[in-house]
Amino acid sequence: MSEYVLKLNKENFEEIIKNNEKVIVDFWADWCMPCKIMAPIFEKLAQKFHNQIIFAKVNVDEEVELAEKFQIMSIPNFIIFKNGNKVEEIVGAMPENIFEKKILDILK
């Protein structure tokens, strides 16, 4: 994790989601190759939009309860929250420009 990406767990998840207008959460795992492909893209977008959107990650192996709560079946799985509510889910790896466009379209 970097200064631009928060690590979420069951202790801080609700607080971060409820206290920030826009949050995108990456549900991932160490063994997941598509997750590894998306990690630098997620980090780059976190740096680019750090004043507008909170970027955070949840390791599904460490936070099984959160993965179950959001019914994470495939990873990487990106859930976007606005004002504390889930508004969209993006599943799978994709090129940076497509991922960025999807995020911006959802958060308009």
N, C-alpha and C. Protein backbone atom coordinates (compact mmCIF):
# COMPACT_ATOMS: atom_id res chain seq x y z
N MET A 1 0.85 -1.18 0.00
CA MET A 1 0.00 0.00 0.00
C MET A 1 0.89 1.24 0.00
N SER A 2 0.31 2.32 -0.45
CA SER A 2 1.05 3.58 -0.48
C SER A 2 0.28 4.64 0.29
N GLU A 3 0.80 5.84 0.26
CA GLU A 3 0.10 6.93 0.94
C GLU A 3 -1.22 7.27 0.26
N TYR A 4 -1.42 6.80 -0.97
CA TYR A 4 -2.64 7.10 -1.73
C TYR A 4 -3.70 6.01 -1.64
N VAL A 5 -3.34 4.85 -1.11
CA VAL A 5 -4.27 3.72 -1.05
C VAL A 5 -4.38 3.25 0.40
N LEU A 6 -5.59 3.23 0.91
CA LEU A 6 -5.84 2.78 2.28
C LEU A 6 -6.01 1.27 2.33
N LYS A 7 -5.57 0.67 3.41
CA LYS A 7 -5.82 -0.74 3.64
C LYS A 7 -7.04 -0.84 4.55
N LEU A 8 -8.08 -1.49 4.05
CA LEU A 8 -9.31 -1.61 4.84
C LEU A 8 -9.41 -2.99 5.47
N ASN A 9 -10.05 -3.02 6.64
CA ASN A 9 -10.34 -4.27 7.33
C ASN A 9 -11.68 -4.10 8.02
N LYS A 10 -12.11 -5.13 8.73
CA LYS A 10 -13.44 -5.07 9.34
C LYS A 10 -13.53 -3.98 10.40
N GLU A 11 -12.40 -3.56 10.97
CA GLU A 11 -12.41 -2.51 11.99
C GLU A 11 -12.62 -1.12 11.41
N ASN A 12 -12.09 -0.84 10.23
CA ASN A 12 -12.17 0.54 9.69
C ASN A 12 -13.04 0.68 8.44
N PHE A 13 -13.54 -0.40 7.90
CA PHE A 13 -14.27 -0.36 6.63
C PHE A 13 -15.46 0.59 6.67
N GLU A 14 -16.37 0.37 7.60
CA GLU A 14 -17.61 1.17 7.65
C GLU A 14 -17.32 2.65 7.84
N GLU A 15 -16.36 2.96 8.70
CA GLU A 15 -16.01 4.35 8.97
C GLU A 15 -15.53 5.06 7.70
N ILE A 16 -14.65 4.41 6.96
CA ILE A 16 -14.11 5.00 5.73
C ILE A 16 -15.22 5.18 4.69
N ILE A 17 -16.05 4.18 4.51
CA ILE A 17 -17.12 4.24 3.51
C ILE A 17 -18.13 5.34 3.86
N LYS A 18 -18.50 5.42 5.11
CA LYS A 18 -19.54 6.38 5.52
C LYS A 18 -19.04 7.81 5.62
N ASN A 19 -17.75 8.00 5.91
CA ASN A 19 -17.22 9.34 6.14
C ASN A 19 -16.57 9.98 4.92
N ASN A 20 -16.66 9.33 3.77
CA ASN A 20 -16.09 9.89 2.54
C ASN A 20 -17.12 9.81 1.43
N GLU A 21 -17.18 10.87 0.64
CA GLU A 21 -18.20 10.95 -0.41
C GLU A 21 -18.02 9.89 -1.49
N LYS A 22 -16.77 9.72 -1.94
CA LYS A 22 -16.50 8.78 -3.03
C LYS A 22 -15.36 7.85 -2.64
N VAL A 23 -15.64 6.54 -2.70
CA VAL A 23 -14.64 5.54 -2.33
C VAL A 23 -14.70 4.41 -3.35
N ILE A 24 -13.53 3.98 -3.81
CA ILE A 24 -13.45 2.77 -4.63
C ILE A 24 -12.59 1.76 -3.89
N VAL A 25 -13.15 0.56 -3.72
CA VAL A 25 -12.48 -0.48 -2.95
C VAL A 25 -12.11 -1.64 -3.89
N ASP A 26 -10.84 -1.99 -3.86
CA ASP A 26 -10.31 -3.11 -4.64
C ASP A 26 -10.26 -4.34 -3.73
N PHE A 27 -11.10 -5.32 -4.02
CA PHE A 27 -11.05 -6.62 -3.33
C PHE A 27 -10.08 -7.49 -4.12
N TRP A 28 -9.02 -7.96 -3.49
CA TRP A 28 -7.93 -8.64 -4.18
C TRP A 28 -7.31 -9.73 -3.31
N ALA A 29 -6.34 -10.46 -3.88
CA ALA A 29 -5.57 -11.46 -3.13
C ALA A 29 -4.17 -11.55 -3.72
N ASP A 30 -3.21 -11.96 -2.89
CA ASP A 30 -1.80 -12.06 -3.32
C ASP A 30 -1.60 -13.05 -4.47
N TRP A 31 -2.37 -14.12 -4.49
CA TRP A 31 -2.18 -15.19 -5.46
C TRP A 31 -2.87 -14.90 -6.81
N CYS A 32 -3.60 -13.81 -6.90
CA CYS A 32 -4.43 -13.49 -8.07
C CYS A 32 -3.63 -12.71 -9.11
N MET A 33 -3.35 -13.34 -10.25
CA MET A 33 -2.55 -12.67 -11.28
C MET A 33 -3.26 -11.43 -11.87
N PRO A 34 -4.56 -11.49 -12.19
CA PRO A 34 -5.22 -10.26 -12.66
C PRO A 34 -5.17 -9.14 -11.61
N CYS A 35 -5.19 -9.49 -10.33
CA CYS A 35 -5.07 -8.48 -9.27
C CYS A 35 -3.70 -7.82 -9.33
N LYS A 36 -2.68 -8.63 -9.58
CA LYS A 36 -1.31 -8.08 -9.70
C LYS A 36 -1.19 -7.18 -10.92
N ILE A 37 -1.89 -7.50 -11.97
CA ILE A 37 -1.89 -6.66 -13.17
C ILE A 37 -2.55 -5.32 -12.88
N MET A 38 -3.64 -5.35 -12.11
CA MET A 38 -4.39 -4.12 -11.82
C MET A 38 -3.75 -3.27 -10.72
N ALA A 39 -2.92 -3.85 -9.88
CA ALA A 39 -2.36 -3.11 -8.74
C ALA A 39 -1.65 -1.81 -9.14
N PRO A 40 -0.74 -1.82 -10.13
CA PRO A 40 -0.08 -0.55 -10.48
C PRO A 40 -1.05 0.45 -11.14
N ILE A 41 -2.05 -0.05 -11.83
CA ILE A 41 -3.06 0.83 -12.43
C ILE A 41 -3.88 1.49 -11.33
N PHE A 42 -4.29 0.72 -10.36
CA PHE A 42 -5.06 1.23 -9.22
C PHE A 42 -4.24 2.29 -8.49
N GLU A 43 -2.97 2.00 -8.27
CA GLU A 43 -2.07 2.93 -7.58
C GLU A 43 -1.91 4.24 -8.37
N LYS A 44 -1.73 4.12 -9.66
CA LYS A 44 -1.56 5.30 -10.51
C LYS A 44 -2.81 6.19 -10.48
N LEU A 45 -3.98 5.57 -10.56
CA LEU A 45 -5.22 6.34 -10.51
C LEU A 45 -5.45 6.92 -9.12
N ALA A 46 -5.01 6.21 -8.09
CA ALA A 46 -5.11 6.73 -6.72
C ALA A 46 -4.29 8.00 -6.58
N GLN A 47 -3.11 8.01 -7.16
CA GLN A 47 -2.27 9.22 -7.13
C GLN A 47 -2.91 10.35 -7.93
N LYS A 48 -3.43 10.01 -9.08
CA LYS A 48 -4.02 11.02 -9.97
C LYS A 48 -5.27 11.68 -9.37
N PHE A 49 -6.10 10.89 -8.69
CA PHE A 49 -7.38 11.39 -8.20
C PHE A 49 -7.46 11.46 -6.67
N HIS A 50 -6.32 11.51 -5.99
CA HIS A 50 -6.34 11.44 -4.52
C HIS A 50 -7.11 12.57 -3.85
N ASN A 51 -7.30 13.67 -4.53
CA ASN A 51 -8.08 14.78 -3.94
C ASN A 51 -9.58 14.65 -4.19
N GLN A 52 -9.98 13.66 -5.01
CA GLN A 52 -11.39 13.53 -5.40
C GLN A 52 -12.04 12.23 -4.94
N ILE A 53 -11.24 11.17 -4.87
CA ILE A 53 -11.76 9.82 -4.58
C ILE A 53 -10.83 9.14 -3.60
N ILE A 54 -11.40 8.42 -2.63
CA ILE A 54 -10.60 7.59 -1.73
C ILE A 54 -10.42 6.22 -2.40
N PHE A 55 -9.17 5.79 -2.55
CA PHE A 55 -8.85 4.48 -3.09
C PHE A 55 -8.44 3.59 -1.93
N ALA A 56 -9.01 2.39 -1.87
CA ALA A 56 -8.74 1.48 -0.76
C ALA A 56 -8.71 0.04 -1.25
N LYS A 57 -8.07 -0.82 -0.46
CA LYS A 57 -7.95 -2.23 -0.82
C LYS A 57 -8.36 -3.11 0.34
N VAL A 58 -8.96 -4.25 -0.01
CA VAL A 58 -9.32 -5.29 0.96
C VAL A 58 -8.75 -6.61 0.44
N ASN A 59 -7.88 -7.22 1.24
CA ASN A 59 -7.35 -8.54 0.90
C ASN A 59 -8.41 -9.57 1.31
N VAL A 60 -8.97 -10.26 0.32
CA VAL A 60 -10.09 -11.19 0.60
C VAL A 60 -9.67 -12.39 1.45
N ASP A 61 -8.39 -12.73 1.43
CA ASP A 61 -7.92 -13.84 2.26
C ASP A 61 -7.82 -13.43 3.73
N GLU A 62 -7.51 -12.17 3.98
CA GLU A 62 -7.38 -11.66 5.35
C GLU A 62 -8.73 -11.19 5.90
N GLU A 63 -9.61 -10.75 5.03
CA GLU A 63 -10.89 -10.16 5.45
C GLU A 63 -12.06 -10.94 4.83
N VAL A 64 -12.16 -12.19 5.22
CA VAL A 64 -13.17 -13.10 4.67
C VAL A 64 -14.58 -12.56 4.92
N GLU A 65 -14.81 -11.99 6.10
CA GLU A 65 -16.15 -11.47 6.43
C GLU A 65 -16.58 -10.37 5.46
N LEU A 66 -15.67 -9.48 5.12
CA LEU A 66 -16.00 -8.40 4.18
C LEU A 66 -16.25 -8.97 2.78
N ALA A 67 -15.44 -9.93 2.38
CA ALA A 67 -15.63 -10.56 1.07
C ALA A 67 -17.00 -11.24 1.01
N GLU A 68 -17.38 -11.90 2.06
CA GLU A 68 -18.69 -12.56 2.11
C GLU A 68 -19.82 -11.54 2.13
N LYS A 69 -19.65 -10.48 2.91
CA LYS A 69 -20.68 -9.44 3.02
C LYS A 69 -21.03 -8.87 1.64
N PHE A 70 -20.00 -8.66 0.81
CA PHE A 70 -20.23 -8.07 -0.51
C PHE A 70 -20.30 -9.12 -1.61
N GLN A 71 -20.39 -10.38 -1.23
CA GLN A 71 -20.56 -11.50 -2.16
C GLN A 71 -19.51 -11.48 -3.27
N ILE A 72 -18.27 -11.35 -2.88
CA ILE A 72 -17.17 -11.33 -3.84
C ILE A 72 -16.93 -12.75 -4.33
N MET A 73 -17.20 -12.97 -5.60
CA MET A 73 -17.04 -14.30 -6.20
C MET A 73 -15.83 -14.36 -7.13
N SER A 74 -15.46 -13.22 -7.71
CA SER A 74 -14.32 -13.14 -8.62
C SER A 74 -13.50 -11.91 -8.25
N ILE A 75 -12.18 -12.04 -8.42
CA ILE A 75 -11.31 -10.90 -8.15
C ILE A 75 -10.37 -10.71 -9.33
N PRO A 76 -9.88 -9.50 -9.55
CA PRO A 76 -10.14 -8.31 -8.77
C PRO A 76 -11.60 -7.86 -8.93
N ASN A 77 -12.11 -7.32 -7.86
CA ASN A 77 -13.48 -6.83 -7.84
C ASN A 77 -13.44 -5.44 -7.21
N PHE A 78 -13.86 -4.45 -7.96
CA PHE A 78 -13.82 -3.06 -7.51
C PHE A 78 -15.25 -2.60 -7.22
N ILE A 79 -15.50 -2.20 -5.98
CA ILE A 79 -16.82 -1.70 -5.62
C ILE A 79 -16.70 -0.20 -5.38
N ILE A 80 -17.60 0.54 -6.00
CA ILE A 80 -17.60 1.99 -5.88
C ILE A 80 -18.75 2.41 -4.98
N PHE A 81 -18.41 3.22 -3.99
CA PHE A 81 -19.37 3.75 -3.03
C PHE A 81 -19.48 5.26 -3.19
N LYS A 82 -20.71 5.75 -3.14
CA LYS A 82 -20.96 7.18 -3.13
C LYS A 82 -21.83 7.48 -1.93
N ASN A 83 -21.38 8.42 -1.09
CA ASN A 83 -22.12 8.80 0.11
C ASN A 83 -22.53 7.59 0.95
N GLY A 84 -21.63 6.63 1.07
CA GLY A 84 -21.87 5.47 1.91
C GLY A 84 -22.64 4.33 1.27
N ASN A 85 -23.08 4.52 0.02
CA ASN A 85 -23.87 3.50 -0.66
C ASN A 85 -23.12 2.90 -1.84
N LYS A 86 -23.24 1.58 -1.99
CA LYS A 86 -22.65 0.91 -3.15
C LYS A 86 -23.41 1.35 -4.39
N VAL A 87 -22.68 1.87 -5.39
CA VAL A 87 -23.33 2.31 -6.62
C VAL A 87 -22.95 1.47 -7.84
N GLU A 88 -21.83 0.76 -7.75
CA GLU A 88 -21.40 -0.01 -8.92
C GLU A 88 -20.33 -1.01 -8.51
N GLU A 89 -20.18 -2.01 -9.36
CA GLU A 89 -19.16 -3.04 -9.17
C GLU A 89 -18.51 -3.30 -10.53
N ILE A 90 -17.19 -3.34 -10.53
CA ILE A 90 -16.43 -3.62 -11.75
C ILE A 90 -15.58 -4.85 -11.46
N VAL A 91 -15.70 -5.88 -12.29
CA VAL A 91 -14.99 -7.13 -12.04
C VAL A 91 -14.00 -7.40 -13.17
N GLY A 92 -12.77 -7.77 -12.79
CA GLY A 92 -11.78 -8.19 -13.76
C GLY A 92 -10.73 -7.15 -14.08
N ALA A 93 -9.71 -7.61 -14.77
CA ALA A 93 -8.62 -6.74 -15.19
C ALA A 93 -8.97 -6.08 -16.52
N MET A 94 -8.43 -4.88 -16.72
CA MET A 94 -8.67 -4.14 -17.96
C MET A 94 -7.57 -3.09 -18.12
N PRO A 95 -7.44 -2.54 -19.33
CA PRO A 95 -6.46 -1.49 -19.55
C PRO A 95 -6.78 -0.25 -18.70
N GLU A 96 -5.74 0.49 -18.38
CA GLU A 96 -5.87 1.68 -17.52
C GLU A 96 -6.90 2.67 -18.04
N ASN A 97 -6.87 2.98 -19.34
CA ASN A 97 -7.78 4.00 -19.87
C ASN A 97 -9.24 3.57 -19.74
N ILE A 98 -9.53 2.30 -19.91
CA ILE A 98 -10.91 1.81 -19.78
C ILE A 98 -11.34 1.84 -18.32
N PHE A 99 -10.45 1.42 -17.42
CA PHE A 99 -10.75 1.43 -15.99
C PHE A 99 -11.01 2.86 -15.50
N GLU A 100 -10.15 3.78 -15.90
CA GLU A 100 -10.31 5.17 -15.51
C GLU A 100 -11.64 5.73 -16.01
N LYS A 101 -11.99 5.45 -17.25
CA LYS A 101 -13.24 5.95 -17.83
C LYS A 101 -14.45 5.38 -17.06
N LYS A 102 -14.40 4.10 -16.74
CA LYS A 102 -15.51 3.48 -15.99
C LYS A 102 -15.70 4.16 -14.64
N ILE A 103 -14.59 4.39 -13.95
CA ILE A 103 -14.66 5.04 -12.63
C ILE A 103 -15.25 6.44 -12.76
N LEU A 104 -14.75 7.21 -13.71
CA LEU A 104 -15.21 8.59 -13.86
C LEU A 104 -16.67 8.65 -14.29
N ASP A 105 -17.08 7.74 -15.16
CA ASP A 105 -18.49 7.71 -15.59
C ASP A 105 -19.41 7.42 -14.42
N ILE A 106 -19.02 6.49 -13.58
CA ILE A 106 -19.85 6.12 -12.44
C ILE A 106 -19.92 7.25 -11.42
N LEU A 107 -18.82 7.97 -11.24
CA LEU A 107 -18.77 8.99 -10.19
C LEU A 107 -19.20 10.38 -10.63
N LYS A 108 -19.70 10.51 -11.83
CA LYS A 108 -20.17 11.82 -12.30
C LYS A 108 -21.29 12.33 -11.44
